[in-house]
PDB file of N, CA and C in Angstrom:
ATOM      1  N   UNK A   1     -10.576  22.354 -76.196  1.00  0.00           N
ATOM      2  CA  UNK A   1     -11.331  21.152 -75.900  1.00  0.00           C
ATOM      3  C   UNK A   1     -10.676  20.347 -74.779  1.00  0.00           C
ATOM      4  N   UNK A   2      -9.399  20.643 -74.478  1.00  0.00           N
ATOM      5  CA  UNK A   2      -8.753  19.892 -73.405  1.00  0.00           C
ATOM      6  C   UNK A   2      -9.428  20.148 -72.067  1.00  0.00           C
ATOM      7  N   UNK A   3      -9.986  21.360 -71.867  1.00  0.00           N
ATOM      8  CA  UNK A   3     -10.696  21.608 -70.616  1.00  0.00           C
ATOM      9  C   UNK A   3     -11.966  20.764 -70.553  1.00  0.00           C
ATOM     10  N   UNK A   4     -12.638  20.578 -71.696  1.00  0.00           N
ATOM     11  CA  UNK A   4     -13.817  19.713 -71.728  1.00  0.00           C
ATOM     12  C   UNK A   4     -13.425  18.271 -71.405  1.00  0.00           C
ATOM     13  N   UNK A   5     -12.305  17.827 -71.932  1.00  0.00           N
ATOM     14  CA  UNK A   5     -11.833  16.476 -71.610  1.00  0.00           C
ATOM     15  C   UNK A   5     -11.593  16.329 -70.111  1.00  0.00           C
ATOM     16  N   UNK A   6     -10.954  17.328 -69.526  1.00  0.00           N
ATOM     17  CA  UNK A   6     -10.704  17.287 -68.084  1.00  0.00           C
ATOM     18  C   UNK A   6     -11.989  17.227 -67.287  1.00  0.00           C
ATOM     19  N   UNK A   7     -12.958  18.034 -67.687  1.00  0.00           N
ATOM     20  CA  UNK A   7     -14.256  18.052 -67.010  1.00  0.00           C
ATOM     21  C   UNK A   7     -14.936  16.687 -67.104  1.00  0.00           C
ATOM     22  N   UNK A   8     -14.962  16.115 -68.296  1.00  0.00           N
ATOM     23  CA  UNK A   8     -15.608  14.811 -68.484  1.00  0.00           C
ATOM     24  C   UNK A   8     -14.883  13.712 -67.711  1.00  0.00           C
ATOM     25  N   UNK A   9     -13.557  13.777 -67.667  1.00  0.00           N
ATOM     26  CA  UNK A   9     -12.801  12.799 -66.873  1.00  0.00           C
ATOM     27  C   UNK A   9     -13.113  12.958 -65.379  1.00  0.00           C
ATOM     28  N   UNK A  10     -13.194  14.192 -64.907  1.00  0.00           N
ATOM     29  CA  UNK A  10     -13.531  14.410 -63.491  1.00  0.00           C
ATOM     30  C   UNK A  10     -14.930  13.870 -63.178  1.00  0.00           C
ATOM     31  N   UNK A  11     -15.872  14.115 -64.084  1.00  0.00           N
ATOM     32  CA  UNK A  11     -17.231  13.616 -63.887  1.00  0.00           C
ATOM     33  C   UNK A  11     -17.246  12.090 -63.851  1.00  0.00           C
ATOM     34  N   UNK A  12     -16.504  11.463 -64.769  1.00  0.00           N
ATOM     35  CA  UNK A  12     -16.477   9.997 -64.795  1.00  0.00           C
ATOM     36  C   UNK A  12     -15.811   9.435 -63.543  1.00  0.00           C
ATOM     37  N   UNK A  13     -14.712  10.067 -63.133  1.00  0.00           N
ATOM     38  CA  UNK A  13     -14.027   9.604 -61.919  1.00  0.00           C
ATOM     39  C   UNK A  13     -14.946   9.692 -60.701  1.00  0.00           C
ATOM     40  N   UNK A  14     -15.750  10.740 -60.635  1.00  0.00           N
ATOM     41  CA  UNK A  14     -16.714  10.896 -59.541  1.00  0.00           C
ATOM     42  C   UNK A  14     -17.754   9.766 -59.583  1.00  0.00           C
ATOM     43  N   UNK A  15     -18.286   9.512 -60.768  1.00  0.00           N
ATOM     44  CA  UNK A  15     -19.380   8.543 -60.886  1.00  0.00           C
ATOM     45  C   UNK A  15     -18.924   7.091 -60.960  1.00  0.00           C
ATOM     46  N   UNK A  16     -17.626   6.847 -61.095  1.00  0.00           N
ATOM     47  CA  UNK A  16     -17.208   5.441 -61.135  1.00  0.00           C
ATOM     48  C   UNK A  16     -17.530   4.732 -59.823  1.00  0.00           C
ATOM     49  N   UNK A  17     -17.656   5.497 -58.744  1.00  0.00           N
ATOM     50  CA  UNK A  17     -18.097   4.945 -57.465  1.00  0.00           C
ATOM     51  C   UNK A  17     -19.627   4.963 -57.469  1.00  0.00           C
ATOM     52  N   UNK A  18     -20.275   3.810 -57.486  1.00  0.00           N
ATOM     53  CA  UNK A  18     -21.739   3.783 -57.536  1.00  0.00           C
ATOM     54  C   UNK A  18     -22.407   4.554 -56.394  1.00  0.00           C
ATOM     55  N   UNK A  19     -21.714   4.727 -55.288  1.00  0.00           N
ATOM     56  CA  UNK A  19     -22.277   5.480 -54.167  1.00  0.00           C
ATOM     57  C   UNK A  19     -22.462   6.954 -54.504  1.00  0.00           C
ATOM     58  N   UNK A  20     -21.778   7.437 -55.541  1.00  0.00           N
ATOM     59  CA  UNK A  20     -21.892   8.836 -55.959  1.00  0.00           C
ATOM     60  C   UNK A  20     -22.977   9.049 -57.016  1.00  0.00           C
ATOM     61  N   UNK A  21     -23.633   7.979 -57.457  1.00  0.00           N
ATOM     62  CA  UNK A  21     -24.629   8.066 -58.529  1.00  0.00           C
ATOM     63  C   UNK A  21     -26.036   8.036 -57.942  1.00  0.00           C
ATOM     64  N   UNK A  22     -26.912   8.880 -58.487  1.00  0.00           N
ATOM     65  CA  UNK A  22     -28.310   8.851 -58.069  1.00  0.00           C
ATOM     66  C   UNK A  22     -29.219   8.942 -59.281  1.00  0.00           C
ATOM     67  N   UNK A  23     -30.481   8.618 -59.068  1.00  0.00           N
ATOM     68  CA  UNK A  23     -31.501   8.775 -60.104  1.00  0.00           C
ATOM     69  C   UNK A  23     -32.580   9.704 -59.562  1.00  0.00           C
ATOM     70  N   UNK A  24     -33.248  10.397 -60.480  1.00  0.00           N
ATOM     71  CA  UNK A  24     -34.372  11.230 -60.090  1.00  0.00           C
ATOM     72  C   UNK A  24     -34.044  12.629 -59.624  1.00  0.00           C
ATOM     73  N   UNK A  25     -32.776  13.001 -59.594  1.00  0.00           N
ATOM     74  CA  UNK A  25     -32.370  14.347 -59.184  1.00  0.00           C
ATOM     75  C   UNK A  25     -30.986  14.627 -59.742  1.00  0.00           C
ATOM     76  N   UNK A  26     -30.671  15.905 -59.947  1.00  0.00           N
ATOM     77  CA  UNK A  26     -29.306  16.262 -60.358  1.00  0.00           C
ATOM     78  C   UNK A  26     -28.305  15.910 -59.271  1.00  0.00           C
ATOM     79  N   UNK A  27     -28.689  16.166 -58.002  1.00  0.00           N
ATOM     80  CA  UNK A  27     -27.775  15.918 -56.887  1.00  0.00           C
ATOM     81  C   UNK A  27     -28.560  15.785 -55.591  1.00  0.00           C
ATOM     82  N   UNK A  28     -27.980  15.027 -54.661  1.00  0.00           N
ATOM     83  CA  UNK A  28     -28.592  14.840 -53.349  1.00  0.00           C
ATOM     84  C   UNK A  28     -27.540  14.922 -52.251  1.00  0.00           C
ATOM     85  N   UNK A  29     -28.024  15.292 -51.080  1.00  0.00           N
ATOM     86  CA  UNK A  29     -27.183  15.304 -49.879  1.00  0.00           C
ATOM     87  C   UNK A  29     -27.215  13.923 -49.230  1.00  0.00           C
ATOM     88  N   UNK A  30     -26.398  13.735 -48.213  1.00  0.00           N
ATOM     89  CA  UNK A  30     -26.386  12.469 -47.477  1.00  0.00           C
ATOM     90  C   UNK A  30     -27.742  12.196 -46.827  1.00  0.00           C
ATOM     91  N   UNK A  31     -28.479  13.256 -46.514  1.00  0.00           N
ATOM     92  CA  UNK A  31     -29.804  13.105 -45.908  1.00  0.00           C
ATOM     93  C   UNK A  31     -30.886  12.816 -46.952  1.00  0.00           C
ATOM     94  N   UNK A  32     -30.504  12.815 -48.246  1.00  0.00           N
ATOM     95  CA  UNK A  32     -31.455  12.518 -49.308  1.00  0.00           C
ATOM     96  C   UNK A  32     -32.172  13.723 -49.883  1.00  0.00           C
ATOM     97  N   UNK A  33     -31.784  14.910 -49.436  1.00  0.00           N
ATOM     98  CA  UNK A  33     -32.400  16.134 -49.955  1.00  0.00           C
ATOM     99  C   UNK A  33     -31.788  16.522 -51.289  1.00  0.00           C
ATOM    100  N   UNK A  34     -32.607  17.102 -52.169  1.00  0.00           N
ATOM    101  CA  UNK A  34     -32.104  17.621 -53.433  1.00  0.00           C
ATOM    102  C   UNK A  34     -31.274  18.871 -53.145  1.00  0.00           C
ATOM    103  N   UNK A  35     -30.053  18.901 -53.685  1.00  0.00           N
ATOM    104  CA  UNK A  35     -29.151  20.042 -53.537  1.00  0.00           C
ATOM    105  C   UNK A  35     -28.549  20.348 -54.903  1.00  0.00           C
ATOM    106  N   UNK A  36     -27.875  21.460 -55.014  1.00  0.00           N
ATOM    107  CA  UNK A  36     -27.163  21.787 -56.249  1.00  0.00           C
ATOM    108  C   UNK A  36     -25.922  20.894 -56.353  1.00  0.00           C
ATOM    109  N   UNK A  37     -25.535  20.513 -57.581  1.00  0.00           N
ATOM    110  CA  UNK A  37     -24.362  19.648 -57.736  1.00  0.00           C
ATOM    111  C   UNK A  37     -23.077  20.223 -57.127  1.00  0.00           C
ATOM    112  N   UNK A  38     -22.954  21.541 -57.083  1.00  0.00           N
ATOM    113  CA  UNK A  38     -21.763  22.153 -56.503  1.00  0.00           C
ATOM    114  C   UNK A  38     -21.848  22.426 -55.015  1.00  0.00           C
ATOM    115  N   UNK A  39     -22.975  22.101 -54.411  1.00  0.00           N
ATOM    116  CA  UNK A  39     -23.179  22.332 -52.976  1.00  0.00           C
ATOM    117  C   UNK A  39     -22.235  21.437 -52.176  1.00  0.00           C
ATOM    118  N   UNK A  40     -21.698  21.977 -51.101  1.00  0.00           N
ATOM    119  CA  UNK A  40     -20.763  21.194 -50.274  1.00  0.00           C
ATOM    120  C   UNK A  40     -21.434  19.978 -49.641  1.00  0.00           C
ATOM    121  N   UNK A  41     -22.757  19.980 -49.550  1.00  0.00           N
ATOM    122  CA  UNK A  41     -23.480  18.830 -48.985  1.00  0.00           C
ATOM    123  C   UNK A  41     -23.714  17.729 -50.004  1.00  0.00           C
ATOM    124  N   UNK A  42     -23.406  17.974 -51.264  1.00  0.00           N
ATOM    125  CA  UNK A  42     -23.644  17.001 -52.334  1.00  0.00           C
ATOM    126  C   UNK A  42     -22.777  15.759 -52.138  1.00  0.00           C
ATOM    127  N   UNK A  43     -23.445  14.599 -52.110  1.00  0.00           N
ATOM    128  CA  UNK A  43     -22.712  13.332 -52.000  1.00  0.00           C
ATOM    129  C   UNK A  43     -22.996  12.397 -53.173  1.00  0.00           C
ATOM    130  N   UNK A  44     -24.040  12.718 -53.972  1.00  0.00           N
ATOM    131  CA  UNK A  44     -24.341  11.899 -55.147  1.00  0.00           C
ATOM    132  C   UNK A  44     -24.992  12.766 -56.207  1.00  0.00           C
ATOM    133  N   UNK A  45     -24.751  12.382 -57.467  1.00  0.00           N
ATOM    134  CA  UNK A  45     -25.306  13.125 -58.600  1.00  0.00           C
ATOM    135  C   UNK A  45     -25.756  12.156 -59.679  1.00  0.00           C
ATOM    136  N   UNK A  46     -26.566  12.683 -60.591  1.00  0.00           N
ATOM    137  CA  UNK A  46     -26.826  11.945 -61.816  1.00  0.00           C
ATOM    138  C   UNK A  46     -25.740  12.333 -62.811  1.00  0.00           C
ATOM    139  N   UNK A  47     -25.838  11.878 -64.056  1.00  0.00           N
ATOM    140  CA  UNK A  47     -24.783  12.137 -65.043  1.00  0.00           C
ATOM    141  C   UNK A  47     -24.603  13.630 -65.311  1.00  0.00           C
ATOM    142  N   UNK A  48     -25.720  14.357 -65.521  1.00  0.00           N
ATOM    143  CA  UNK A  48     -25.612  15.802 -65.759  1.00  0.00           C
ATOM    144  C   UNK A  48     -25.083  16.518 -64.530  1.00  0.00           C
ATOM    145  N   UNK A  49     -25.550  16.124 -63.375  1.00  0.00           N
ATOM    146  CA  UNK A  49     -25.070  16.730 -62.136  1.00  0.00           C
ATOM    147  C   UNK A  49     -23.574  16.538 -61.947  1.00  0.00           C
ATOM    148  N   UNK A  50     -23.068  15.374 -62.354  1.00  0.00           N
ATOM    149  CA  UNK A  50     -21.625  15.118 -62.239  1.00  0.00           C
ATOM    150  C   UNK A  50     -20.835  16.066 -63.133  1.00  0.00           C
ATOM    151  N   UNK A  51     -21.353  16.327 -64.331  1.00  0.00           N
ATOM    152  CA  UNK A  51     -20.681  17.255 -65.249  1.00  0.00           C
ATOM    153  C   UNK A  51     -20.742  18.671 -64.693  1.00  0.00           C
ATOM    154  N   UNK A  52     -21.902  19.073 -64.187  1.00  0.00           N
ATOM    155  CA  UNK A  52     -22.030  20.410 -63.597  1.00  0.00           C
ATOM    156  C   UNK A  52     -21.062  20.557 -62.431  1.00  0.00           C
ATOM    157  N   UNK A  53     -20.979  19.532 -61.599  1.00  0.00           N
ATOM    158  CA  UNK A  53     -20.076  19.542 -60.439  1.00  0.00           C
ATOM    159  C   UNK A  53     -18.614  19.635 -60.869  1.00  0.00           C
ATOM    160  N   UNK A  54     -18.281  18.985 -61.985  1.00  0.00           N
ATOM    161  CA  UNK A  54     -16.889  18.910 -62.437  1.00  0.00           C
ATOM    162  C   UNK A  54     -16.432  20.127 -63.242  1.00  0.00           C
ATOM    163  N   UNK A  55     -17.367  20.887 -63.783  1.00  0.00           N
ATOM    164  CA  UNK A  55     -17.013  22.007 -64.670  1.00  0.00           C
ATOM    165  C   UNK A  55     -16.314  23.126 -63.910  1.00  0.00           C
ATOM    166  N   UNK A  56     -15.374  23.757 -64.595  1.00  0.00           N
ATOM    167  CA  UNK A  56     -14.601  24.845 -64.007  1.00  0.00           C
ATOM    168  C   UNK A  56     -15.010  26.205 -64.567  1.00  0.00           C
ATOM    169  N   UNK A  57     -16.116  26.279 -65.259  1.00  0.00           N
ATOM    170  CA  UNK A  57     -16.574  27.540 -65.816  1.00  0.00           C
ATOM    171  C   UNK A  57     -17.708  27.322 -66.788  1.00  0.00           C
ATOM    172  N   UNK A  58     -18.365  28.412 -67.150  1.00  0.00           N
ATOM    173  CA  UNK A  58     -19.554  28.317 -67.998  1.00  0.00           C
ATOM    174  C   UNK A  58     -19.245  27.770 -69.385  1.00  0.00           C
ATOM    175  N   UNK A  59     -18.133  28.190 -69.989  1.00  0.00           N
ATOM    176  CA  UNK A  59     -17.803  27.708 -71.336  1.00  0.00           C
ATOM    177  C   UNK A  59     -17.539  26.206 -71.315  1.00  0.00           C
ATOM    178  N   UNK A  60     -16.742  25.767 -70.355  1.00  0.00           N
ATOM    179  CA  UNK A  60     -16.454  24.338 -70.217  1.00  0.00           C
ATOM    180  C   UNK A  60     -17.741  23.561 -69.958  1.00  0.00           C
ATOM    181  N   UNK A  61     -18.597  24.090 -69.118  1.00  0.00           N
ATOM    182  CA  UNK A  61     -19.857  23.426 -68.811  1.00  0.00           C
ATOM    183  C   UNK A  61     -20.712  23.276 -70.058  1.00  0.00           C
ATOM    184  N   UNK A  62     -20.821  24.335 -70.839  1.00  0.00           N
ATOM    185  CA  UNK A  62     -21.621  24.276 -72.064  1.00  0.00           C
ATOM    186  C   UNK A  62     -21.119  23.227 -73.032  1.00  0.00           C
ATOM    187  N   UNK A  63     -19.807  23.167 -73.221  1.00  0.00           N
ATOM    188  CA  UNK A  63     -19.219  22.169 -74.118  1.00  0.00           C
ATOM    189  C   UNK A  63     -19.499  20.752 -73.625  1.00  0.00           C
ATOM    190  N   UNK A  64     -19.314  20.538 -72.340  1.00  0.00           N
ATOM    191  CA  UNK A  64     -19.493  19.192 -71.784  1.00  0.00           C
ATOM    192  C   UNK A  64     -20.950  18.757 -71.817  1.00  0.00           C
ATOM    193  N   UNK A  65     -21.860  19.658 -71.494  1.00  0.00           N
ATOM    194  CA  UNK A  65     -23.277  19.305 -71.554  1.00  0.00           C
ATOM    195  C   UNK A  65     -23.697  18.986 -72.981  1.00  0.00           C
ATOM    196  N   UNK A  66     -23.181  19.758 -73.939  1.00  0.00           N
ATOM    197  CA  UNK A  66     -23.480  19.473 -75.339  1.00  0.00           C
ATOM    198  C   UNK A  66     -22.986  18.076 -75.718  1.00  0.00           C
ATOM    199  N   UNK A  67     -21.783  17.723 -75.296  1.00  0.00           N
ATOM    200  CA  UNK A  67     -21.220  16.411 -75.630  1.00  0.00           C
ATOM    201  C   UNK A  67     -22.019  15.270 -74.999  1.00  0.00           C
ATOM    202  N   UNK A  68     -22.386  15.387 -73.720  1.00  0.00           N
ATOM    203  CA  UNK A  68     -23.118  14.264 -73.114  1.00  0.00           C
ATOM    204  C   UNK A  68     -24.532  14.171 -73.673  1.00  0.00           C
ATOM    205  N   UNK A  69     -25.106  15.295 -74.077  1.00  0.00           N
ATOM    206  CA  UNK A  69     -26.438  15.247 -74.691  1.00  0.00           C
ATOM    207  C   UNK A  69     -26.384  14.578 -76.060  1.00  0.00           C
ATOM    208  N   UNK A  70     -25.353  14.896 -76.840  1.00  0.00           N
ATOM    209  CA  UNK A  70     -25.184  14.245 -78.141  1.00  0.00           C
ATOM    210  C   UNK A  70     -24.912  12.754 -77.963  1.00  0.00           C
ATOM    211  N   UNK A  71     -24.096  12.410 -76.978  1.00  0.00           N
ATOM    212  CA  UNK A  71     -23.786  11.000 -76.726  1.00  0.00           C
ATOM    213  C   UNK A  71     -25.049  10.245 -76.308  1.00  0.00           C
ATOM    214  N   UNK A  72     -25.873  10.846 -75.453  1.00  0.00           N
ATOM    215  CA  UNK A  72     -27.122  10.194 -75.036  1.00  0.00           C
ATOM    216  C   UNK A  72     -28.022   9.956 -76.241  1.00  0.00           C
ATOM    217  N   UNK A  73     -28.105  10.931 -77.139  1.00  0.00           N
ATOM    218  CA  UNK A  73     -28.918  10.770 -78.353  1.00  0.00           C
ATOM    219  C   UNK A  73     -28.365   9.643 -79.217  1.00  0.00           C
ATOM    220  N   UNK A  74     -27.038   9.579 -79.355  1.00  0.00           N
ATOM    221  CA  UNK A  74     -26.411   8.502 -80.124  1.00  0.00           C
ATOM    222  C   UNK A  74     -26.708   7.128 -79.521  1.00  0.00           C
ATOM    223  N   UNK A  75     -26.935   7.096 -78.210  1.00  0.00           N
ATOM    224  CA  UNK A  75     -27.229   5.843 -77.518  1.00  0.00           C
ATOM    225  C   UNK A  75     -28.725   5.528 -77.517  1.00  0.00           C
ATOM    226  N   UNK A  76     -29.516   6.381 -78.197  1.00  0.00           N
ATOM    227  CA  UNK A  76     -30.937   6.110 -78.348  1.00  0.00           C
ATOM    228  C   UNK A  76     -31.839   6.708 -77.284  1.00  0.00           C
ATOM    229  N   UNK A  77     -31.343   7.649 -76.513  1.00  0.00           N
ATOM    230  CA  UNK A  77     -32.143   8.273 -75.462  1.00  0.00           C
ATOM    231  C   UNK A  77     -32.487   9.705 -75.850  1.00  0.00           C
ATOM    232  N   UNK A  78     -33.668  10.142 -75.451  1.00  0.00           N
ATOM    233  CA  UNK A  78     -34.115  11.502 -75.754  1.00  0.00           C
ATOM    234  C   UNK A  78     -33.422  12.551 -74.895  1.00  0.00           C
ATOM    235  N   UNK A  79     -32.895  12.147 -73.759  1.00  0.00           N
ATOM    236  CA  UNK A  79     -32.204  13.090 -72.875  1.00  0.00           C
ATOM    237  C   UNK A  79     -31.226  12.342 -71.974  1.00  0.00           C
ATOM    238  N   UNK A  80     -30.315  13.094 -71.397  1.00  0.00           N
ATOM    239  CA  UNK A  80     -29.364  12.510 -70.435  1.00  0.00           C
ATOM    240  C   UNK A  80     -30.125  12.036 -69.204  1.00  0.00           C
ATOM    241  N   UNK A  81     -31.132  12.797 -68.783  1.00  0.00           N
ATOM    242  CA  UNK A  81     -31.925  12.410 -67.618  1.00  0.00           C
ATOM    243  C   UNK A  81     -32.609  11.068 -67.801  1.00  0.00           C
ATOM    244  N   UNK A  82     -33.175  10.837 -68.989  1.00  0.00           N
ATOM    245  CA  UNK A  82     -33.813   9.537 -69.258  1.00  0.00           C
ATOM    246  C   UNK A  82     -32.786   8.415 -69.253  1.00  0.00           C
ATOM    247  N   UNK A  83     -31.639   8.639 -69.869  1.00  0.00           N
ATOM    248  CA  UNK A  83     -30.590   7.624 -69.863  1.00  0.00           C
ATOM    249  C   UNK A  83     -30.197   7.312 -68.425  1.00  0.00           C
ATOM    250  N   UNK A  84     -29.978   8.356 -67.632  1.00  0.00           N
ATOM    251  CA  UNK A  84     -29.560   8.176 -66.249  1.00  0.00           C
ATOM    252  C   UNK A  84     -30.606   7.406 -65.439  1.00  0.00           C
ATOM    253  N   UNK A  85     -31.874   7.803 -65.588  1.00  0.00           N
ATOM    254  CA  UNK A  85     -32.919   7.240 -64.741  1.00  0.00           C
ATOM    255  C   UNK A  85     -33.454   5.904 -65.234  1.00  0.00           C
ATOM    256  N   UNK A  86     -33.361   5.641 -66.537  1.00  0.00           N
ATOM    257  CA  UNK A  86     -33.858   4.375 -67.080  1.00  0.00           C
ATOM    258  C   UNK A  86     -32.742   3.353 -67.280  1.00  0.00           C
ATOM    259  N   UNK A  87     -31.506   3.833 -67.357  1.00  0.00           N
ATOM    260  CA  UNK A  87     -30.366   2.942 -67.523  1.00  0.00           C
ATOM    261  C   UNK A  87     -29.832   2.505 -66.167  1.00  0.00           C
ATOM    262  N   UNK A  88     -28.723   1.827 -66.201  1.00  0.00           N
ATOM    263  CA  UNK A  88     -28.064   1.432 -64.962  1.00  0.00           C
ATOM    264  C   UNK A  88     -26.731   2.172 -64.847  1.00  0.00           C
ATOM    265  N   UNK A  89     -26.015   1.897 -63.786  1.00  0.00           N
ATOM    266  CA  UNK A  89     -24.748   2.581 -63.529  1.00  0.00           C
ATOM    267  C   UNK A  89     -23.766   2.374 -64.681  1.00  0.00           C
ATOM    268  N   UNK A  90     -23.692   1.176 -65.211  1.00  0.00           N
ATOM    269  CA  UNK A  90     -22.784   0.886 -66.327  1.00  0.00           C
ATOM    270  C   UNK A  90     -23.150   1.703 -67.569  1.00  0.00           C
ATOM    271  N   UNK A  91     -24.434   1.914 -67.796  1.00  0.00           N
ATOM    272  CA  UNK A  91     -24.871   2.723 -68.934  1.00  0.00           C
ATOM    273  C   UNK A  91     -24.414   4.167 -68.774  1.00  0.00           C
ATOM    274  N   UNK A  92     -24.488   4.689 -67.568  1.00  0.00           N
ATOM    275  CA  UNK A  92     -24.030   6.057 -67.296  1.00  0.00           C
ATOM    276  C   UNK A  92     -22.527   6.169 -67.544  1.00  0.00           C
ATOM    277  N   UNK A  93     -21.768   5.174 -67.127  1.00  0.00           N
ATOM    278  CA  UNK A  93     -20.322   5.208 -67.378  1.00  0.00           C
ATOM    279  C   UNK A  93     -20.030   5.115 -68.877  1.00  0.00           C
ATOM    280  N   UNK A  94     -20.805   4.316 -69.604  1.00  0.00           N
ATOM    281  CA  UNK A  94     -20.642   4.260 -71.065  1.00  0.00           C
ATOM    282  C   UNK A  94     -20.948   5.611 -71.700  1.00  0.00           C
ATOM    283  N   UNK A  95     -21.957   6.300 -71.190  1.00  0.00           N
ATOM    284  CA  UNK A  95     -22.280   7.641 -71.679  1.00  0.00           C
ATOM    285  C   UNK A  95     -21.075   8.572 -71.524  1.00  0.00           C
ATOM    286  N   UNK A  96     -20.465   8.549 -70.371  1.00  0.00           N
ATOM    287  CA  UNK A  96     -19.305   9.425 -70.140  1.00  0.00           C
ATOM    288  C   UNK A  96     -18.112   8.990 -70.985  1.00  0.00           C
ATOM    289  N   UNK A  97     -17.908   7.691 -71.134  1.00  0.00           N
ATOM    290  CA  UNK A  97     -16.826   7.209 -72.004  1.00  0.00           C
ATOM    291  C   UNK A  97     -17.050   7.668 -73.446  1.00  0.00           C
ATOM    292  N   UNK A  98     -18.276   7.574 -73.910  1.00  0.00           N
ATOM    293  CA  UNK A  98     -18.601   8.004 -75.275  1.00  0.00           C
ATOM    294  C   UNK A  98     -18.384   9.512 -75.418  1.00  0.00           C
ATOM    295  N   UNK A  99     -18.768  10.277 -74.411  1.00  0.00           N
ATOM    296  CA  UNK A  99     -18.571  11.724 -74.427  1.00  0.00           C
ATOM    297  C   UNK A  99     -17.094  12.088 -74.457  1.00  0.00           C
ATOM    298  N   UNK A 100     -16.301  11.366 -73.700  1.00  0.00           N
ATOM    299  CA  UNK A 100     -14.846  11.596 -73.682  1.00  0.00           C
ATOM    300  C   UNK A 100     -14.266  11.309 -75.058  1.00  0.00           C
ATOM    301  N   UNK A 101     -14.702  10.215 -75.673  1.00  0.00           N
ATOM    302  CA  UNK A 101     -14.225   9.881 -77.020  1.00  0.00           C
ATOM    303  C   UNK A 101     -14.625  10.960 -78.028  1.00  0.00           C
ATOM    304  N   UNK A 102     -15.838  11.466 -77.913  1.00  0.00           N
ATOM    305  CA  UNK A 102     -16.295  12.546 -78.792  1.00  0.00           C
ATOM    306  C   UNK A 102     -15.438  13.795 -78.597  1.00  0.00           C
ATOM    307  N   UNK A 103     -15.125  14.110 -77.367  1.00  0.00           N
ATOM    308  CA  UNK A 103     -14.289  15.290 -77.083  1.00  0.00           C
ATOM    309  C   UNK A 103     -12.892  15.113 -77.667  1.00  0.00           C
ATOM    310  N   UNK A 104     -12.360  13.911 -77.584  1.00  0.00           N
ATOM    311  CA  UNK A 104     -11.030  13.641 -78.182  1.00  0.00           C
ATOM    312  C   UNK A 104     -11.048  13.832 -79.691  1.00  0.00           C
ATOM    313  N   UNK A 105     -12.116  13.376 -80.343  1.00  0.00           N
ATOM    314  CA  UNK A 105     -12.213  13.519 -81.801  1.00  0.00           C
ATOM    315  C   UNK A 105     -12.319  14.979 -82.207  1.00  0.00           C
ATOM    316  N   UNK A 106     -13.068  15.759 -81.452  1.00  0.00           N
ATOM    317  CA  UNK A 106     -13.213  17.188 -81.746  1.00  0.00           C
ATOM    318  C   UNK A 106     -11.869  17.895 -81.561  1.00  0.00           C
ATOM    319  N   UNK A 107     -11.123  17.477 -80.547  1.00  0.00           N
ATOM    320  CA  UNK A 107      -9.834  18.126 -80.246  1.00  0.00           C
ATOM    321  C   UNK A 107      -8.753  17.759 -81.249  1.00  0.00           C
ATOM    322  N   UNK A 108      -8.912  16.632 -81.940  1.00  0.00           N
ATOM    323  CA  UNK A 108      -7.873  16.163 -82.865  1.00  0.00           C
ATOM    324  C   UNK A 108      -7.815  16.988 -84.148  1.00  0.00           C
TER     325      UNK A 108
END
């Protein structure tokens, strides 16, 4: 679970800068085009895109996506995308903080 913690911390560190956060797409380029979160042209992501960008492998990605989806549900949202697009930047950071806390509890 420590790899999941690292992934979630990397995602949060990326999104703590509001310039890296977007709504309506997993990831965008500086020109505003939709790109993959791991694309070198990616300059902003939504919450899921940040996790995808931060993951170091499929297993880590699966664990992290599961955690942020559970955290979004705990926060009253049907999906991470809805939380990201209907919430504000602070809500997205709370989602990642909650996910990190969940990962710590699982690892303990």
